[in-house]
Amino acid sequence: MANQSEEFASTQENTQVSGELTFNDKVVQKIIGIAMEKIDGLLNIKGGFFSSVAGKVANTDNVTAGIDTEVGKKQVAVDMEIICEYGKDAAKIYDEIKQVVSTEVKKMTHLDVIEINVNVADIQTIEEYEQNKETLQDKASEAADSVSNYASEQTEQATEKINEGVEKAEEKTEPNVQ
């Protein structure tokens, strides 16, 4: 009995499982997006995802917006445009982005981040950013209401047409008894 388990252990050691672990761009982008929530002075990634001043994710489904990556088998390159808080050191924010992104990506994927390109697209005060954010939220809400109203109107019109068609069909199928 002891020989059987020794035999099994030695065969198991000699057996190698082959395969490859790869990561979709969206996975790496999501790691980056979530990791960057806590960076002081970073208001948003242009086209992006988070940012109330409290640093909470506003829309986790869209955490990858504004982050472009090229993911290879061993390395990652990152491009993004950001909005910085007025009065904050943009170079310090960039250094923190590089540190946080490379650490988190390496920790979770074992991929090396070889390049991070950041373009500061805008600098805003917190007040200006909050006002712009509210304006965008208002526009999004108005657009959603408009689409909802249009869909309701179209549904109502379609229902009316169907009912008219049913009435005409019933008229044609009624016996003409006089």
N, C-alpha and C. Protein backbone atom coordinates (compact mmCIF):
# COMPACT_ATOMS: atom_id res chain seq x y z
N MET A 1 0.82 -1.19 0.00
CA MET A 1 0.00 0.00 0.00
C MET A 1 0.86 1.25 0.00
N ALA A 2 1.94 1.24 0.75
CA ALA A 2 2.84 2.39 0.79
C ALA A 2 3.48 2.60 -0.57
N ASN A 3 3.78 1.51 -1.28
CA ASN A 3 4.38 1.63 -2.61
C ASN A 3 3.45 2.31 -3.59
N GLN A 4 2.15 2.04 -3.48
CA GLN A 4 1.19 2.66 -4.39
C GLN A 4 1.17 4.17 -4.24
N SER A 5 1.15 4.68 -3.02
CA SER A 5 1.10 6.13 -2.85
C SER A 5 2.41 6.77 -3.25
N GLU A 6 3.55 6.08 -3.02
CA GLU A 6 4.83 6.62 -3.47
C GLU A 6 4.87 6.68 -4.99
N GLU A 7 4.36 5.61 -5.63
CA GLU A 7 4.31 5.56 -7.09
C GLU A 7 3.45 6.68 -7.65
N PHE A 8 2.29 6.88 -7.03
CA PHE A 8 1.37 7.93 -7.46
C PHE A 8 2.01 9.31 -7.32
N ALA A 9 2.69 9.55 -6.22
CA ALA A 9 3.33 10.85 -5.99
C ALA A 9 4.40 11.11 -7.03
N SER A 10 5.20 10.10 -7.36
CA SER A 10 6.26 10.33 -8.33
C SER A 10 5.70 10.54 -9.74
N THR A 11 4.63 9.85 -10.10
CA THR A 11 4.03 10.07 -11.42
C THR A 11 3.38 11.43 -11.50
N GLN A 12 2.81 11.85 -10.40
CA GLN A 12 2.15 13.16 -10.38
C GLN A 12 3.18 14.27 -10.56
N GLU A 13 4.35 14.12 -9.97
CA GLU A 13 5.40 15.12 -10.11
C GLU A 13 5.90 15.21 -11.55
N ASN A 14 5.95 14.08 -12.24
CA ASN A 14 6.45 14.05 -13.61
C ASN A 14 5.44 14.56 -14.62
N THR A 15 4.17 14.56 -14.27
CA THR A 15 3.13 15.02 -15.17
C THR A 15 3.09 16.54 -15.14
N GLN A 16 3.19 17.15 -16.29
CA GLN A 16 3.12 18.61 -16.36
C GLN A 16 1.86 19.01 -17.11
N VAL A 17 1.21 20.02 -16.60
CA VAL A 17 0.02 20.54 -17.25
C VAL A 17 0.45 21.73 -18.09
N SER A 18 0.12 21.70 -19.36
CA SER A 18 0.49 22.82 -20.21
C SER A 18 -0.70 23.74 -20.40
N GLY A 19 -0.43 24.91 -20.85
CA GLY A 19 -1.49 25.88 -21.10
C GLY A 19 -0.93 27.28 -20.98
N GLU A 20 -1.82 28.23 -21.05
CA GLU A 20 -1.39 29.63 -21.04
C GLU A 20 -2.44 30.47 -20.31
N LEU A 21 -1.97 31.39 -19.51
CA LEU A 21 -2.85 32.32 -18.82
C LEU A 21 -2.75 33.67 -19.53
N THR A 22 -3.88 34.16 -20.01
CA THR A 22 -3.89 35.46 -20.68
C THR A 22 -4.96 36.33 -20.03
N PHE A 23 -4.87 37.64 -20.28
CA PHE A 23 -5.81 38.58 -19.70
C PHE A 23 -6.40 39.46 -20.80
N ASN A 24 -7.69 39.59 -20.80
CA ASN A 24 -8.39 40.50 -21.70
C ASN A 24 -8.03 41.93 -21.33
N ASP A 25 -7.96 42.82 -22.29
CA ASP A 25 -7.67 44.23 -22.02
C ASP A 25 -8.60 44.80 -20.96
N LYS A 26 -9.89 44.45 -21.04
CA LYS A 26 -10.88 44.98 -20.09
C LYS A 26 -10.55 44.61 -18.65
N VAL A 27 -9.98 43.44 -18.43
CA VAL A 27 -9.62 43.01 -17.08
C VAL A 27 -8.53 43.92 -16.53
N VAL A 28 -7.50 44.15 -17.31
CA VAL A 28 -6.40 45.02 -16.87
C VAL A 28 -6.90 46.45 -16.71
N GLN A 29 -7.75 46.91 -17.62
CA GLN A 29 -8.31 48.26 -17.50
C GLN A 29 -9.13 48.41 -16.22
N LYS A 30 -9.86 47.38 -15.87
CA LYS A 30 -10.67 47.43 -14.65
C LYS A 30 -9.79 47.47 -13.41
N ILE A 31 -8.74 46.68 -13.39
CA ILE A 31 -7.78 46.72 -12.27
C ILE A 31 -7.25 48.14 -12.12
N ILE A 32 -6.85 48.74 -13.22
CA ILE A 32 -6.30 50.10 -13.21
C ILE A 32 -7.35 51.09 -12.72
N GLY A 33 -8.55 51.02 -13.27
CA GLY A 33 -9.61 51.95 -12.89
C GLY A 33 -9.94 51.92 -11.42
N ILE A 34 -10.08 50.72 -10.87
CA ILE A 34 -10.40 50.60 -9.46
C ILE A 34 -9.23 51.06 -8.60
N ALA A 35 -8.01 50.72 -9.00
CA ALA A 35 -6.83 51.11 -8.22
C ALA A 35 -6.65 52.62 -8.16
N MET A 36 -7.08 53.33 -9.18
CA MET A 36 -6.84 54.77 -9.26
C MET A 36 -7.86 55.60 -8.48
N GLU A 37 -8.89 54.96 -7.92
CA GLU A 37 -9.91 55.69 -7.16
C GLU A 37 -9.33 56.53 -6.03
N LYS A 38 -8.27 56.06 -5.42
CA LYS A 38 -7.77 56.67 -4.20
C LYS A 38 -6.68 57.72 -4.43
N ILE A 39 -6.37 58.04 -5.66
CA ILE A 39 -5.29 58.98 -5.93
C ILE A 39 -5.75 60.41 -5.68
N ASP A 40 -5.11 61.06 -4.73
CA ASP A 40 -5.45 62.43 -4.36
C ASP A 40 -5.14 63.39 -5.51
N GLY A 41 -6.09 64.24 -5.83
CA GLY A 41 -5.89 65.24 -6.87
C GLY A 41 -6.36 64.79 -8.24
N LEU A 42 -6.68 63.52 -8.38
CA LEU A 42 -7.19 63.00 -9.65
C LEU A 42 -8.71 63.06 -9.59
N LEU A 43 -9.29 63.96 -10.36
CA LEU A 43 -10.75 64.11 -10.34
C LEU A 43 -11.44 63.09 -11.22
N ASN A 44 -10.84 62.80 -12.37
CA ASN A 44 -11.50 61.88 -13.29
C ASN A 44 -10.55 61.46 -14.38
N ILE A 45 -10.91 60.38 -15.04
CA ILE A 45 -10.25 59.98 -16.27
C ILE A 45 -11.18 60.41 -17.38
N LYS A 46 -10.66 61.14 -18.35
CA LYS A 46 -11.51 61.69 -19.40
C LYS A 46 -12.27 60.56 -20.09
N GLY A 47 -13.57 60.74 -20.18
CA GLY A 47 -14.41 59.68 -20.70
C GLY A 47 -14.71 58.68 -19.62
N GLY A 48 -14.35 59.05 -18.40
CA GLY A 48 -14.18 58.06 -17.36
C GLY A 48 -15.28 57.86 -16.36
N PHE A 49 -14.86 57.23 -15.34
CA PHE A 49 -15.70 56.39 -14.53
C PHE A 49 -16.02 56.88 -13.15
N PHE A 50 -15.06 57.38 -12.43
CA PHE A 50 -15.32 57.61 -11.03
C PHE A 50 -15.28 59.07 -10.74
N SER A 51 -15.61 59.37 -9.57
CA SER A 51 -15.20 60.59 -8.97
C SER A 51 -16.28 61.43 -8.40
N SER A 52 -16.57 61.10 -7.26
CA SER A 52 -17.09 62.13 -6.40
C SER A 52 -15.84 62.46 -5.63
N VAL A 53 -15.83 63.57 -4.97
CA VAL A 53 -14.62 63.95 -4.25
C VAL A 53 -14.32 62.92 -3.17
N ALA A 54 -15.33 62.24 -2.69
CA ALA A 54 -15.13 61.20 -1.68
C ALA A 54 -14.40 59.99 -2.25
N GLY A 55 -14.26 59.93 -3.56
CA GLY A 55 -13.50 58.85 -4.19
C GLY A 55 -14.29 57.57 -4.36
N LYS A 56 -15.58 57.65 -4.45
CA LYS A 56 -16.38 56.45 -4.64
C LYS A 56 -16.63 56.24 -6.13
N VAL A 57 -16.76 55.00 -6.51
CA VAL A 57 -17.04 54.70 -7.91
C VAL A 57 -18.48 55.10 -8.21
N ALA A 58 -18.65 55.91 -9.23
CA ALA A 58 -19.98 56.37 -9.60
C ALA A 58 -20.69 55.32 -10.44
N ASN A 59 -19.94 54.64 -11.28
CA ASN A 59 -20.54 53.66 -12.17
C ASN A 59 -19.54 52.54 -12.41
N THR A 60 -19.61 51.48 -11.64
CA THR A 60 -18.62 50.42 -11.74
C THR A 60 -18.70 49.66 -13.05
N ASP A 61 -19.83 49.74 -13.74
CA ASP A 61 -19.92 49.08 -15.04
C ASP A 61 -19.04 49.78 -16.07
N ASN A 62 -18.71 51.01 -15.80
CA ASN A 62 -17.96 51.80 -16.75
C ASN A 62 -16.57 52.13 -16.22
N VAL A 63 -16.03 51.31 -15.36
CA VAL A 63 -14.75 51.58 -14.71
C VAL A 63 -13.59 51.59 -15.70
N THR A 64 -13.76 51.02 -16.88
CA THR A 64 -12.68 50.94 -17.86
C THR A 64 -12.67 52.11 -18.84
N ALA A 65 -13.71 52.94 -18.83
CA ALA A 65 -13.81 54.04 -19.80
C ALA A 65 -12.64 55.00 -19.62
N GLY A 66 -12.06 55.39 -20.72
CA GLY A 66 -10.97 56.36 -20.68
C GLY A 66 -9.60 55.76 -20.48
N ILE A 67 -9.52 54.45 -20.32
CA ILE A 67 -8.24 53.77 -20.12
C ILE A 67 -8.01 52.86 -21.33
N ASP A 68 -6.91 53.10 -22.04
CA ASP A 68 -6.54 52.25 -23.17
C ASP A 68 -5.33 51.42 -22.77
N THR A 69 -5.35 50.14 -23.08
CA THR A 69 -4.22 49.28 -22.75
C THR A 69 -3.84 48.42 -23.95
N GLU A 70 -2.59 48.03 -23.96
CA GLU A 70 -2.10 47.00 -24.87
C GLU A 70 -1.53 45.92 -23.97
N VAL A 71 -2.20 44.78 -23.94
CA VAL A 71 -1.80 43.70 -23.05
C VAL A 71 -1.13 42.61 -23.87
N GLY A 72 0.13 42.33 -23.53
CA GLY A 72 0.85 41.24 -24.17
C GLY A 72 0.90 40.04 -23.25
N LYS A 73 1.77 39.09 -23.57
CA LYS A 73 1.88 37.89 -22.74
C LYS A 73 2.58 38.17 -21.42
N LYS A 74 3.48 39.17 -21.41
CA LYS A 74 4.23 39.46 -20.19
C LYS A 74 4.21 40.93 -19.79
N GLN A 75 3.73 41.79 -20.68
CA GLN A 75 3.83 43.23 -20.43
C GLN A 75 2.54 43.96 -20.79
N VAL A 76 2.41 45.16 -20.20
CA VAL A 76 1.24 46.01 -20.43
C VAL A 76 1.71 47.44 -20.68
N ALA A 77 1.06 48.11 -21.64
CA ALA A 77 1.26 49.55 -21.86
C ALA A 77 -0.09 50.22 -21.67
N VAL A 78 -0.08 51.42 -21.06
CA VAL A 78 -1.32 52.10 -20.69
C VAL A 78 -1.30 53.54 -21.22
N ASP A 79 -2.44 53.99 -21.76
CA ASP A 79 -2.65 55.38 -22.17
C ASP A 79 -3.94 55.87 -21.54
N MET A 80 -3.94 57.14 -21.08
CA MET A 80 -5.17 57.73 -20.54
C MET A 80 -5.06 59.25 -20.52
N GLU A 81 -6.23 59.90 -20.49
CA GLU A 81 -6.32 61.34 -20.30
C GLU A 81 -7.03 61.58 -18.99
N ILE A 82 -6.49 62.51 -18.20
CA ILE A 82 -7.06 62.72 -16.87
C ILE A 82 -7.47 64.17 -16.66
N ILE A 83 -8.30 64.37 -15.63
CA ILE A 83 -8.66 65.70 -15.16
C ILE A 83 -8.11 65.81 -13.74
N CYS A 84 -7.22 66.79 -13.54
CA CYS A 84 -6.60 67.00 -12.23
C CYS A 84 -7.32 68.11 -11.47
N GLU A 85 -7.19 68.04 -10.16
CA GLU A 85 -7.73 69.08 -9.30
C GLU A 85 -6.80 70.29 -9.34
N TYR A 86 -7.41 71.47 -9.48
CA TYR A 86 -6.64 72.72 -9.51
C TYR A 86 -5.85 72.85 -8.20
N GLY A 87 -4.59 73.26 -8.32
CA GLY A 87 -3.75 73.47 -7.16
C GLY A 87 -2.94 72.25 -6.76
N LYS A 88 -3.19 71.11 -7.37
CA LYS A 88 -2.45 69.89 -7.06
C LYS A 88 -1.29 69.72 -8.03
N ASP A 89 -0.26 69.06 -7.59
CA ASP A 89 0.96 68.83 -8.37
C ASP A 89 0.71 67.70 -9.39
N ALA A 90 0.61 68.07 -10.67
CA ALA A 90 0.31 67.09 -11.72
C ALA A 90 1.41 66.03 -11.83
N ALA A 91 2.67 66.44 -11.65
CA ALA A 91 3.78 65.48 -11.73
C ALA A 91 3.69 64.46 -10.59
N LYS A 92 3.28 64.91 -9.41
CA LYS A 92 3.12 64.00 -8.27
C LYS A 92 1.97 63.03 -8.53
N ILE A 93 0.89 63.54 -9.11
CA ILE A 93 -0.25 62.68 -9.45
C ILE A 93 0.19 61.62 -10.46
N TYR A 94 0.98 62.03 -11.46
CA TYR A 94 1.48 61.09 -12.47
C TYR A 94 2.36 60.02 -11.82
N ASP A 95 3.25 60.44 -10.92
CA ASP A 95 4.11 59.47 -10.23
C ASP A 95 3.28 58.47 -9.42
N GLU A 96 2.24 58.97 -8.76
CA GLU A 96 1.38 58.09 -7.98
C GLU A 96 0.60 57.13 -8.89
N ILE A 97 0.14 57.64 -10.03
CA ILE A 97 -0.54 56.77 -11.01
C ILE A 97 0.39 55.64 -11.43
N LYS A 98 1.63 55.98 -11.78
CA LYS A 98 2.59 54.96 -12.21
C LYS A 98 2.81 53.91 -11.12
N GLN A 99 2.98 54.37 -9.88
CA GLN A 99 3.25 53.46 -8.77
C GLN A 99 2.05 52.56 -8.49
N VAL A 100 0.87 53.16 -8.38
CA VAL A 100 -0.34 52.39 -8.06
C VAL A 100 -0.68 51.41 -9.18
N VAL A 101 -0.65 51.87 -10.40
CA VAL A 101 -1.01 51.01 -11.54
C VAL A 101 -0.04 49.85 -11.67
N SER A 102 1.27 50.13 -11.65
CA SER A 102 2.23 49.03 -11.83
C SER A 102 2.16 48.03 -10.68
N THR A 103 1.97 48.51 -9.44
CA THR A 103 1.87 47.61 -8.29
C THR A 103 0.64 46.71 -8.38
N GLU A 104 -0.52 47.30 -8.64
CA GLU A 104 -1.76 46.51 -8.67
C GLU A 104 -1.79 45.54 -9.84
N VAL A 105 -1.37 45.97 -11.01
CA VAL A 105 -1.37 45.08 -12.18
C VAL A 105 -0.40 43.92 -11.94
N LYS A 106 0.78 44.21 -11.41
CA LYS A 106 1.77 43.16 -11.14
C LYS A 106 1.24 42.18 -10.10
N LYS A 107 0.64 42.72 -9.02
CA LYS A 107 0.14 41.88 -7.93
C LYS A 107 -0.95 40.92 -8.41
N MET A 108 -1.82 41.39 -9.28
CA MET A 108 -2.97 40.58 -9.68
C MET A 108 -2.74 39.73 -10.93
N THR A 109 -1.80 40.14 -11.79
CA THR A 109 -1.64 39.43 -13.06
C THR A 109 -0.22 38.92 -13.32
N HIS A 110 0.75 39.41 -12.56
CA HIS A 110 2.17 39.12 -12.77
C HIS A 110 2.68 39.69 -14.10
N LEU A 111 1.94 40.64 -14.67
CA LEU A 111 2.39 41.33 -15.88
C LEU A 111 3.17 42.57 -15.48
N ASP A 112 4.19 42.90 -16.27
CA ASP A 112 4.98 44.11 -16.02
C ASP A 112 4.39 45.28 -16.79
N VAL A 113 4.13 46.38 -16.10
CA VAL A 113 3.67 47.59 -16.77
C VAL A 113 4.93 48.31 -17.24
N ILE A 114 5.10 48.39 -18.56
CA ILE A 114 6.34 48.95 -19.11
C ILE A 114 6.19 50.40 -19.53
N GLU A 115 4.95 50.86 -19.67
CA GLU A 115 4.75 52.23 -20.14
C GLU A 115 3.39 52.73 -19.67
N ILE A 116 3.38 53.95 -19.13
CA ILE A 116 2.13 54.61 -18.76
C ILE A 116 2.19 56.03 -19.30
N ASN A 117 1.34 56.31 -20.28
CA ASN A 117 1.26 57.64 -20.87
C ASN A 117 0.00 58.33 -20.37
N VAL A 118 0.18 59.49 -19.74
CA VAL A 118 -0.95 60.23 -19.18
C VAL A 118 -0.95 61.63 -19.78
N ASN A 119 -2.08 62.03 -20.33
CA ASN A 119 -2.25 63.39 -20.83
C ASN A 119 -3.22 64.10 -19.90
N VAL A 120 -2.78 65.23 -19.33
CA VAL A 120 -3.67 66.03 -18.50
C VAL A 120 -4.55 66.83 -19.45
N ALA A 121 -5.81 66.43 -19.56
CA ALA A 121 -6.74 67.04 -20.51
C ALA A 121 -7.39 68.29 -19.94
N ASP A 122 -7.47 68.38 -18.60
CA ASP A 122 -8.10 69.54 -17.98
C ASP A 122 -7.68 69.62 -16.52
N ILE A 123 -7.74 70.84 -15.99
CA ILE A 123 -7.56 71.08 -14.56
C ILE A 123 -8.77 71.85 -14.11
N GLN A 124 -9.43 71.37 -13.04
CA GLN A 124 -10.65 72.00 -12.55
C GLN A 124 -10.61 72.12 -11.03
N THR A 125 -11.30 73.14 -10.52
CA THR A 125 -11.49 73.20 -9.08
C THR A 125 -12.52 72.14 -8.72
N ILE A 126 -12.58 71.80 -7.45
CA ILE A 126 -13.57 70.81 -7.02
C ILE A 126 -14.97 71.32 -7.32
N GLU A 127 -15.19 72.61 -7.06
CA GLU A 127 -16.51 73.19 -7.31
C GLU A 127 -16.88 73.11 -8.79
N GLU A 128 -15.94 73.46 -9.65
CA GLU A 128 -16.17 73.41 -11.10
C GLU A 128 -16.46 71.96 -11.54
N TYR A 129 -15.69 71.04 -11.02
CA TYR A 129 -15.88 69.64 -11.37
C TYR A 129 -17.25 69.14 -10.93
N GLU A 130 -17.62 69.44 -9.69
CA GLU A 130 -18.93 69.01 -9.18
C GLU A 130 -20.06 69.62 -10.01
N GLN A 131 -19.92 70.89 -10.39
CA GLN A 131 -20.94 71.55 -11.21
C GLN A 131 -21.04 70.87 -12.58
N ASN A 132 -19.90 70.61 -13.20
CA ASN A 132 -19.89 69.94 -14.50
C ASN A 132 -20.46 68.53 -14.40
N LYS A 133 -20.15 67.85 -13.31
CA LYS A 133 -20.65 66.50 -13.11
C LYS A 133 -22.16 66.51 -12.99
N GLU A 134 -22.70 67.48 -12.22
CA GLU A 134 -24.15 67.59 -12.08
C GLU A 134 -24.80 67.90 -13.42
N THR A 135 -24.19 68.78 -14.20
CA THR A 135 -24.72 69.12 -15.51
C THR A 135 -24.78 67.87 -16.39
N LEU A 136 -23.72 67.07 -16.38
CA LEU A 136 -23.71 65.84 -17.17
C LEU A 136 -24.76 64.86 -16.68
N GLN A 137 -24.92 64.77 -15.35
CA GLN A 137 -25.94 63.88 -14.81
C GLN A 137 -27.33 64.35 -15.20
N ASP A 138 -27.55 65.69 -15.16
CA ASP A 138 -28.84 66.24 -15.57
C ASP A 138 -29.12 65.90 -17.03
N LYS A 139 -28.11 66.10 -17.89
CA LYS A 139 -28.28 65.81 -19.32
C LYS A 139 -28.59 64.33 -19.53
N ALA A 140 -27.88 63.48 -18.81
CA ALA A 140 -28.12 62.04 -18.95
C ALA A 140 -29.52 61.68 -18.48
N SER A 141 -29.95 62.29 -17.40
CA SER A 141 -31.29 62.04 -16.88
C SER A 141 -32.36 62.52 -17.87
N GLU A 142 -32.15 63.71 -18.43
CA GLU A 142 -33.09 64.24 -19.42
C GLU A 142 -33.14 63.35 -20.65
N ALA A 143 -31.99 62.87 -21.09
CA ALA A 143 -31.96 61.99 -22.26
C ALA A 143 -32.70 60.69 -21.98
N ALA A 144 -32.51 60.15 -20.79
CA ALA A 144 -33.21 58.91 -20.42
C ALA A 144 -34.71 59.13 -20.39
N ASP A 145 -35.14 60.27 -19.83
CA ASP A 145 -36.57 60.58 -19.79
C ASP A 145 -37.14 60.72 -21.20
N SER A 146 -36.39 61.39 -22.07
CA SER A 146 -36.82 61.59 -23.44
C SER A 146 -36.99 60.26 -24.17
N VAL A 147 -36.03 59.38 -24.00
CA VAL A 147 -36.10 58.06 -24.63
C VAL A 147 -37.28 57.28 -24.08
N SER A 148 -37.47 57.36 -22.78
CA SER A 148 -38.59 56.65 -22.14
C SER A 148 -39.93 57.16 -22.67
N ASN A 149 -40.07 58.49 -22.76
CA ASN A 149 -41.32 59.07 -23.28
C ASN A 149 -41.56 58.66 -24.73
N TYR A 150 -40.52 58.70 -25.55
CA TYR A 150 -40.64 58.31 -26.95
C TYR A 150 -41.08 56.84 -27.06
N ALA A 151 -40.46 55.99 -26.26
CA ALA A 151 -40.80 54.56 -26.29
C ALA A 151 -42.26 54.35 -25.88
N SER A 152 -42.71 55.09 -24.87
CA SER A 152 -44.11 54.98 -24.43
C SER A 152 -45.07 55.42 -25.52
N GLU A 153 -44.75 56.53 -26.18
CA GLU A 153 -45.60 57.03 -27.27
C GLU A 153 -45.67 56.02 -28.41
N GLN A 154 -44.53 55.46 -28.77
CA GLN A 154 -44.49 54.49 -29.86
C GLN A 154 -45.27 53.23 -29.50
N THR A 155 -45.17 52.80 -28.26
CA THR A 155 -45.92 51.63 -27.81
C THR A 155 -47.41 51.90 -27.87
N GLU A 156 -47.80 53.08 -27.44
CA GLU A 156 -49.22 53.47 -27.46
C GLU A 156 -49.75 53.48 -28.90
N GLN A 157 -48.97 54.07 -29.83
CA GLN A 157 -49.39 54.11 -31.23
C GLN A 157 -49.49 52.70 -31.82
N ALA A 158 -48.54 51.86 -31.48
CA ALA A 158 -48.56 50.48 -32.00
C ALA A 158 -49.77 49.74 -31.47
N THR A 159 -50.09 49.95 -30.20
CA THR A 159 -51.27 49.30 -29.60
C THR A 159 -52.54 49.75 -30.30
N GLU A 160 -52.65 51.05 -30.59
CA GLU A 160 -53.82 51.58 -31.30
C GLU A 160 -53.95 50.94 -32.68
N LYS A 161 -52.84 50.84 -33.41
CA LYS A 161 -52.87 50.25 -34.75
C LYS A 161 -53.27 48.77 -34.69
N ILE A 162 -52.77 48.08 -33.70
CA ILE A 162 -53.13 46.66 -33.55
C ILE A 162 -54.62 46.53 -33.28
N ASN A 163 -55.13 47.36 -32.39
CA ASN A 163 -56.57 47.32 -32.07
C ASN A 163 -57.41 47.64 -33.29
N GLU A 164 -56.99 48.63 -34.11
CA GLU A 164 -57.70 48.95 -35.34
C GLU A 164 -57.70 47.75 -36.29
N GLY A 165 -56.55 47.09 -36.39
CA GLY A 165 -56.44 45.92 -37.25
C GLY A 165 -57.33 44.79 -36.79
N VAL A 166 -57.39 44.59 -35.48
CA VAL A 166 -58.25 43.54 -34.92
C VAL A 166 -59.71 43.85 -35.22
N GLU A 167 -60.12 45.11 -35.05
CA GLU A 167 -61.50 45.51 -35.33
C GLU A 167 -61.85 45.26 -36.79
N LYS A 168 -60.96 45.63 -37.71
CA LYS A 168 -61.21 45.42 -39.14
C LYS A 168 -61.31 43.93 -39.45
N ALA A 169 -60.46 43.14 -38.83
CA ALA A 169 -60.49 41.70 -39.07
C ALA A 169 -61.79 41.11 -38.55
N GLU A 170 -62.24 41.58 -37.40
CA GLU A 170 -63.51 41.09 -36.85
C GLU A 170 -64.68 41.47 -37.75
N GLU A 171 -64.64 42.70 -38.31
CA GLU A 171 -65.71 43.14 -39.21
C GLU A 171 -65.77 42.26 -40.45
N LYS A 172 -64.63 41.89 -40.98
CA LYS A 172 -64.59 41.07 -42.20
C LYS A 172 -65.00 39.63 -41.93
N THR A 173 -64.81 39.18 -40.71
CA THR A 173 -65.15 37.79 -40.42
C THR A 173 -66.56 37.63 -39.87
N GLU A 174 -67.25 38.73 -39.57
CA GLU A 174 -68.63 38.65 -39.09
C GLU A 174 -69.54 38.22 -40.24
N PRO A 175 -70.48 37.33 -39.96
CA PRO A 175 -71.39 36.91 -41.03
C PRO A 175 -72.29 38.08 -41.45
N ASN A 176 -72.53 38.16 -42.71
CA ASN A 176 -73.39 39.22 -43.25
C ASN A 176 -74.84 38.73 -43.30
N VAL A 177 -75.44 38.57 -42.18
CA VAL A 177 -76.83 38.12 -42.08
C VAL A 177 -77.71 39.35 -42.01
N GLN A 178 -78.75 39.38 -42.89
CA GLN A 178 -79.65 40.54 -42.88
C GLN A 178 -81.05 40.16 -42.61
